[in-house]
C-alpha atoms as a PDB file:
ATOM      1  CA  MET A   1     143.155   6.049-129.014  1.00  0.00           C
ATOM      2  CA  ASP A   2     139.470   6.651-128.215  1.00  0.00           C
ATOM      3  CA  GLU A   3     137.136   5.254-130.901  1.00  0.00           C
ATOM      4  CA  ASP A   4     134.820   8.245-130.768  1.00  0.00           C
ATOM      5  CA  LYS A   5     137.750  10.629-131.190  1.00  0.00           C
ATOM      6  CA  LEU A   6     139.035   8.726-134.239  1.00  0.00           C
ATOM      7  CA  LEU A   7     135.585   8.824-135.821  1.00  0.00           C
ATOM      8  CA  SER A   8     135.138  12.492-134.978  1.00  0.00           C
ATOM      9  CA  ASP A   9     138.572  13.370-136.400  1.00  0.00           C
ATOM     10  CA  PHE A  10     137.790  11.508-139.649  1.00  0.00           C
ATOM     11  CA  ASN A  11     134.410  13.219-140.080  1.00  0.00           C
ATOM     12  CA  THR A  12     135.893  16.619-139.258  1.00  0.00           C
ATOM     13  CA  GLU A  13     138.723  16.183-141.761  1.00  0.00           C
ATOM     14  CA  ILE A  14     136.291  15.137-144.533  1.00  0.00           C
ATOM     15  CA  ASP A  15     134.033  18.101-143.750  1.00  0.00           C
ATOM     16  CA  GLN A  16     136.943  20.554-143.648  1.00  0.00           C
ATOM     17  CA  ALA A  17     138.197  19.353-147.032  1.00  0.00           C
ATOM     18  CA  PHE A  18     134.669  19.729-148.452  1.00  0.00           C
ATOM     19  CA  GLN A  19     134.273  23.235-146.998  1.00  0.00           C
ATOM     20  CA  ASN A  20     137.728  24.399-148.097  1.00  0.00           C
ATOM     21  CA  ALA A  21     137.074  23.213-151.649  1.00  0.00           C
ATOM     22  CA  TRP A  22     133.649  24.860-151.686  1.00  0.00           C
ATOM     23  CA  HIS A  23     134.892  28.184-150.318  1.00  0.00           C
ATOM     24  CA  SER A  24     137.826  28.475-152.706  1.00  0.00           C
ATOM     25  CA  GLU A  25     137.637  30.625-155.808  1.00  0.00           C
ATOM     26  CA  LYS A  26     136.236  29.204-159.024  1.00  0.00           C
ATOM     27  CA  GLY A  27     138.668  26.507-160.165  1.00  0.00           C
ATOM     28  CA  GLY A  28     140.647  26.661-156.899  1.00  0.00           C
ATOM     29  CA  ASP A  29     142.951  29.287-155.454  1.00  0.00           C
ATOM     30  CA  GLU A  30     146.268  29.517-153.627  1.00  0.00           C
ATOM     31  CA  LYS A  31     144.735  28.491-150.299  1.00  0.00           C
ATOM     32  CA  TRP A  32     143.204  25.401-151.942  1.00  0.00           C
ATOM     33  CA  ASN A  33     146.528  24.596-153.621  1.00  0.00           C
ATOM     34  CA  ASN A  34     148.185  24.758-150.177  1.00  0.00           C
ATOM     35  CA  ILE A  35     145.621  22.249-148.883  1.00  0.00           C
ATOM     36  CA  LEU A  36     146.326  19.981-151.864  1.00  0.00           C
ATOM     37  CA  ASN A  37     150.031  20.280-151.094  1.00  0.00           C
ATOM     38  CA  THR A  38     149.402  19.368-147.434  1.00  0.00           C
ATOM     39  CA  TYR A  39     147.799  16.113-148.592  1.00  0.00           C
ATOM     40  CA  GLY A  40     150.401  15.464-151.290  1.00  0.00           C
ATOM     41  CA  VAL A  41     147.811  15.849-154.057  1.00  0.00           C
ATOM     42  CA  ILE A  42     149.040  17.284-157.350  1.00  0.00           C
ATOM     43  CA  PRO A  43     146.661  20.020-158.559  1.00  0.00           C
ATOM     44  CA  LEU A  44     145.283  20.013-162.068  1.00  0.00           C
ATOM     45  CA  THR A  45     147.524  21.740-164.558  1.00  0.00           C
ATOM     46  CA  LYS A  46     146.620  25.187-165.862  1.00  0.00           C
ATOM     47  CA  GLU A  47     145.740  23.592-169.209  1.00  0.00           C
ATOM     48  CA  GLU A  48     143.417  21.049-167.524  1.00  0.00           C
ATOM     49  CA  LYS A  49     141.745  23.786-165.483  1.00  0.00           C
ATOM     50  CA  ASP A  50     141.291  26.011-168.557  1.00  0.00           C
ATOM     51  CA  PHE A  51     139.836  23.066-170.468  1.00  0.00           C
ATOM     52  CA  LEU A  52     137.367  22.290-167.668  1.00  0.00           C
ATOM     53  CA  LEU A  53     136.425  25.937-167.147  1.00  0.00           C
ATOM     54  CA  ASN A  54     135.559  26.162-170.855  1.00  0.00           C
ATOM     55  CA  SER A  55     133.758  22.804-171.005  1.00  0.00           C
ATOM     56  CA  GLU A  56     130.034  22.226-170.700  1.00  0.00           C
ATOM     57  CA  MET A  57     130.532  21.155-167.052  1.00  0.00           C
ATOM     58  CA  LYS A  58     130.160  24.633-165.567  1.00  0.00           C
ATOM     59  CA  ILE A  59     130.947  25.640-162.017  1.00  0.00           C
ATOM     60  CA  THR A  60     130.174  28.906-160.248  1.00  0.00           C
ATOM     61  CA  ARG A  61     132.685  28.580-157.438  1.00  0.00           C
ATOM     62  CA  GLY A  62     135.028  26.197-155.657  1.00  0.00           C
ATOM     63  CA  ALA A  63     137.714  23.736-156.587  1.00  0.00           C
ATOM     64  CA  PHE A  64     137.138  21.053-159.190  1.00  0.00           C
ATOM     65  CA  PRO A  65     135.446  17.882-157.920  1.00  0.00           C
ATOM     66  CA  ILE A  66     138.316  15.656-159.069  1.00  0.00           C
ATOM     67  CA  GLU A  67     140.742  17.506-156.783  1.00  0.00           C
ATOM     68  CA  LEU A  68     138.389  17.124-153.812  1.00  0.00           C
ATOM     69  CA  ARG A  69     138.051  13.409-154.621  1.00  0.00           C
ATOM     70  CA  ARG A  70     141.831  13.046-154.546  1.00  0.00           C
ATOM     71  CA  VAL A  71     141.953  14.723-151.111  1.00  0.00           C
ATOM     72  CA  PHE A  72     139.192  12.389-149.863  1.00  0.00           C
ATOM     73  CA  GLU A  73     141.199   9.401-151.136  1.00  0.00           C
ATOM     74  CA  VAL A  74     144.263  10.519-149.139  1.00  0.00           C
ATOM     75  CA  ILE A  75     142.164  11.068-145.999  1.00  0.00           C
ATOM     76  CA  ILE A  76     140.666   7.590-146.341  1.00  0.00           C
ATOM     77  CA  GLN A  77     144.071   5.966-146.903  1.00  0.00           C
ATOM     78  CA  LYS A  78     145.472   7.762-143.866  1.00  0.00           C
ATOM     79  CA  ASN A  79     142.599   6.530-141.700  1.00  0.00           C
ATOM     80  CA  ILE A  80     142.723   2.900-142.860  1.00  0.00           C
ATOM     81  CA  SER A  81     145.777   2.253-140.702  1.00  0.00           C
ATOM     82  CA  LEU A  82     144.010   3.802-137.685  1.00  0.00           C
ATOM     83  CA  ALA A  83     140.851   1.791-138.317  1.00  0.00           C
ATOM     84  CA  SER A  84     142.423  -1.454-137.109  1.00  0.00           C
ATOM     85  CA  SER A  85     141.969  -0.217-133.527  1.00  0.00           C
ATOM     86  CA  SER A  86     138.482   1.240-134.028  1.00  0.00           C
ATOM     87  CA  GLN A  87     135.351  -0.584-135.146  1.00  0.00           C
ATOM     88  CA  LYS A  88     133.474   2.724-135.460  1.00  0.00           C
ATOM     89  CA  LEU A  89     136.107   4.173-137.795  1.00  0.00           C
ATOM     90  CA  THR A  90     136.194   0.929-139.815  1.00  0.00           C
ATOM     91  CA  THR A  91     132.417   1.140-140.240  1.00  0.00           C
ATOM     92  CA  ALA A  92     132.610   4.814-141.237  1.00  0.00           C
ATOM     93  CA  LEU A  93     135.310   4.088-143.825  1.00  0.00           C
ATOM     94  CA  ASN A  94     133.328   1.172-145.254  1.00  0.00           C
ATOM     95  CA  ASN A  95     130.177   3.281-145.438  1.00  0.00           C
ATOM     96  CA  PHE A  96     131.818   6.365-146.940  1.00  0.00           C
ATOM     97  CA  ASN A  97     130.189   6.823-150.346  1.00  0.00           C
ATOM     98  CA  MET A  98     132.763   8.668-152.426  1.00  0.00           C
ATOM     99  CA  GLU A  99     130.498   8.982-155.475  1.00  0.00           C
ATOM    100  CA  ALA A 100     127.644  10.480-153.459  1.00  0.00           C
ATOM    101  CA  LYS A 101     129.930  12.900-151.597  1.00  0.00           C
ATOM    102  CA  VAL A 102     131.569  14.156-154.809  1.00  0.00           C
ATOM    103  CA  LEU A 103     128.143  14.479-156.464  1.00  0.00           C
ATOM    104  CA  GLU A 104     126.845  16.406-153.414  1.00  0.00           C
ATOM    105  CA  TYR A 105     129.800  18.757-153.810  1.00  0.00           C
ATOM    106  CA  TYR A 106     129.198  19.193-157.547  1.00  0.00           C
ATOM    107  CA  GLN A 107     125.538  20.019-156.871  1.00  0.00           C
ATOM    108  CA  LYS A 108     126.708  22.877-154.615  1.00  0.00           C
ATOM    109  CA  ILE A 109     129.156  24.406-157.115  1.00  0.00           C
ATOM    110  CA  LYS A 110     127.256  24.067-160.382  1.00  0.00           C
ATOM    111  CA  PRO A 111     125.155  26.958-161.678  1.00  0.00           C
ATOM    112  CA  PHE A 112     121.460  26.970-160.884  1.00  0.00           C
ATOM    113  CA  SER A 113     119.426  26.178-163.934  1.00  0.00           C
ATOM    114  CA  GLY A 114     115.717  26.765-163.922  1.00  0.00           C
ATOM    115  CA  LEU A 115     113.267  25.181-166.318  1.00  0.00           C
ATOM    116  CA  GLY A 116     113.898  27.884-168.914  1.00  0.00           C
ATOM    117  CA  ASP A 117     117.563  26.920-169.037  1.00  0.00           C
ATOM    118  CA  ILE A 118     116.693  23.249-169.481  1.00  0.00           C
ATOM    119  CA  PHE A 119     114.548  23.892-172.542  1.00  0.00           C
ATOM    120  CA  LYS A 120     117.007  26.417-173.992  1.00  0.00           C
ATOM    121  CA  ASN A 121     119.857  23.944-173.533  1.00  0.00           C
ATOM    122  CA  ALA A 122     117.847  21.117-175.105  1.00  0.00           C
ATOM    123  CA  ALA A 123     116.995  23.220-178.154  1.00  0.00           C
ATOM    124  CA  THR A 124     120.623  24.305-178.592  1.00  0.00           C
ATOM    125  CA  GLY A 125     121.914  20.769-178.120  1.00  0.00           C
ATOM    126  CA  THR A 126     119.434  19.335-180.601  1.00  0.00           C
ATOM    127  CA  GLN A 127     120.513  21.771-183.309  1.00  0.00           C
ATOM    128  CA  LYS A 128     124.204  21.371-182.529  1.00  0.00           C
ATOM    129  CA  TYR A 129     124.426  17.587-182.310  1.00  0.00           C
ATOM    130  CA  SER A 130     121.499  16.219-184.299  1.00  0.00           C
ATOM    131  CA  SER A 131     121.976  17.692-187.765  1.00  0.00           C
ATOM    132  CA  GLY A 132     122.380  14.907-190.296  1.00  0.00           C
ATOM    133  CA  LEU A 133     121.548  12.192-187.776  1.00  0.00           C
ATOM    134  CA  GLN A 134     117.878  11.655-188.551  1.00  0.00           C
ATOM    135  CA  LYS A 135     118.236   7.920-189.163  1.00  0.00           C
ATOM    136  CA  GLU A 136     121.416   7.182-187.222  1.00  0.00           C
ATOM    137  CA  LYS A 137     121.482   7.081-183.458  1.00  0.00           C
ATOM    138  CA  GLN A 138     124.549   8.432-181.712  1.00  0.00           C
ATOM    139  CA  LYS A 139     125.221   8.608-177.992  1.00  0.00           C
ATOM    140  CA  THR A 140     128.045  10.337-176.211  1.00  0.00           C
ATOM    141  CA  MET A 141     129.408   8.343-173.287  1.00  0.00           C
ATOM    142  CA  THR A 142     129.002  10.377-170.133  1.00  0.00           C
ATOM    143  CA  CYS A 143     130.145   9.963-166.544  1.00  0.00           C
ATOM    144  CA  LYS A 144     127.577   8.031-164.535  1.00  0.00           C
ATOM    145  CA  ASN A 145     128.226  10.262-161.518  1.00  0.00           C
ATOM    146  CA  CYS A 146     128.311  13.867-162.790  1.00  0.00           C
ATOM    147  CA  GLY A 147     127.216  13.600-166.445  1.00  0.00           C
ATOM    148  CA  ALA A 148     130.393  15.039-167.988  1.00  0.00           C
ATOM    149  CA  PRO A 149     131.116  13.719-171.482  1.00  0.00           C
ATOM    150  CA  ARG A 150     134.286  11.712-171.859  1.00  0.00           C
ATOM    151  CA  LEU A 151     137.066  13.669-173.523  1.00  0.00           C
ATOM    152  CA  ASP A 152     137.653  11.426-176.493  1.00  0.00           C
ATOM    153  CA  GLU A 153     136.542   8.140-177.945  1.00  0.00           C
ATOM    154  CA  MET A 154     139.474   6.231-176.454  1.00  0.00           C
ATOM    155  CA  GLN A 155     139.098   7.483-172.852  1.00  0.00           C
ATOM    156  CA  TYR A 156     138.310   4.491-170.657  1.00  0.00           C
ATOM    157  CA  ASP A 157     139.769   5.420-167.257  1.00  0.00           C
ATOM    158  CA  ASN A 158     138.303   8.121-164.988  1.00  0.00           C
ATOM    159  CA  CYS A 159     136.229  11.234-165.553  1.00  0.00           C
ATOM    160  CA  LEU A 160     138.468  14.288-165.759  1.00  0.00           C
ATOM    161  CA  PHE A 161     135.822  16.443-164.057  1.00  0.00           C
ATOM    162  CA  CYS A 162     134.878  14.415-160.951  1.00  0.00           C
ATOM    163  CA  GLY A 163     137.245  11.416-161.062  1.00  0.00           C
ATOM    164  CA  SER A 164     134.610   8.652-161.141  1.00  0.00           C
ATOM    165  CA  LYS A 165     135.353   5.522-163.125  1.00  0.00           C
ATOM    166  CA  LEU A 166     133.778   5.877-166.571  1.00  0.00           C
ATOM    167  CA  PHE A 167     133.168   2.135-166.951  1.00  0.00           C
ATOM    168  CA  GLU A 168     132.458  -0.618-164.434  1.00  0.00           C
ATOM    169  CA  ILE A 169     135.126  -3.295-164.177  1.00  0.00           C
ATOM    170  CA  LYS A 170     133.712  -6.775-163.538  1.00  0.00           C
END
């Protein structure tokens, strides 16, 4: 198969997944679930979606970043077998930055927050989390990609919101 066609098909499929996720209703819709089904990706459960919709990681529209990441992973896996006959596709797969692409998507679906929101949020957070901690320092572990807090103290795998690894493995 033509190298340029393989590369074009890969880029088109990634872009279509991105656009379909972005244009779905807040938290995903039936059309998005059909796309997930096409790729063999299991959607988040209703409980997981409700939890995320009520978390501090707000979205204004679109599917959740972790579901888009899972679709990207399937697209990449599918194209790895085709890459053996295409140097251009191999290069594109090697250069595909999953973290950056998921973060780009999250930036598009999160609510706009102006400077007023930043200061309001900081004041609220200080009162909520700092009472009684004048001498002790406490830090919540957050996702290095999207900033979501980990769900509980013993969560060491992937971020529930965007799917990034919470800790580097050396």
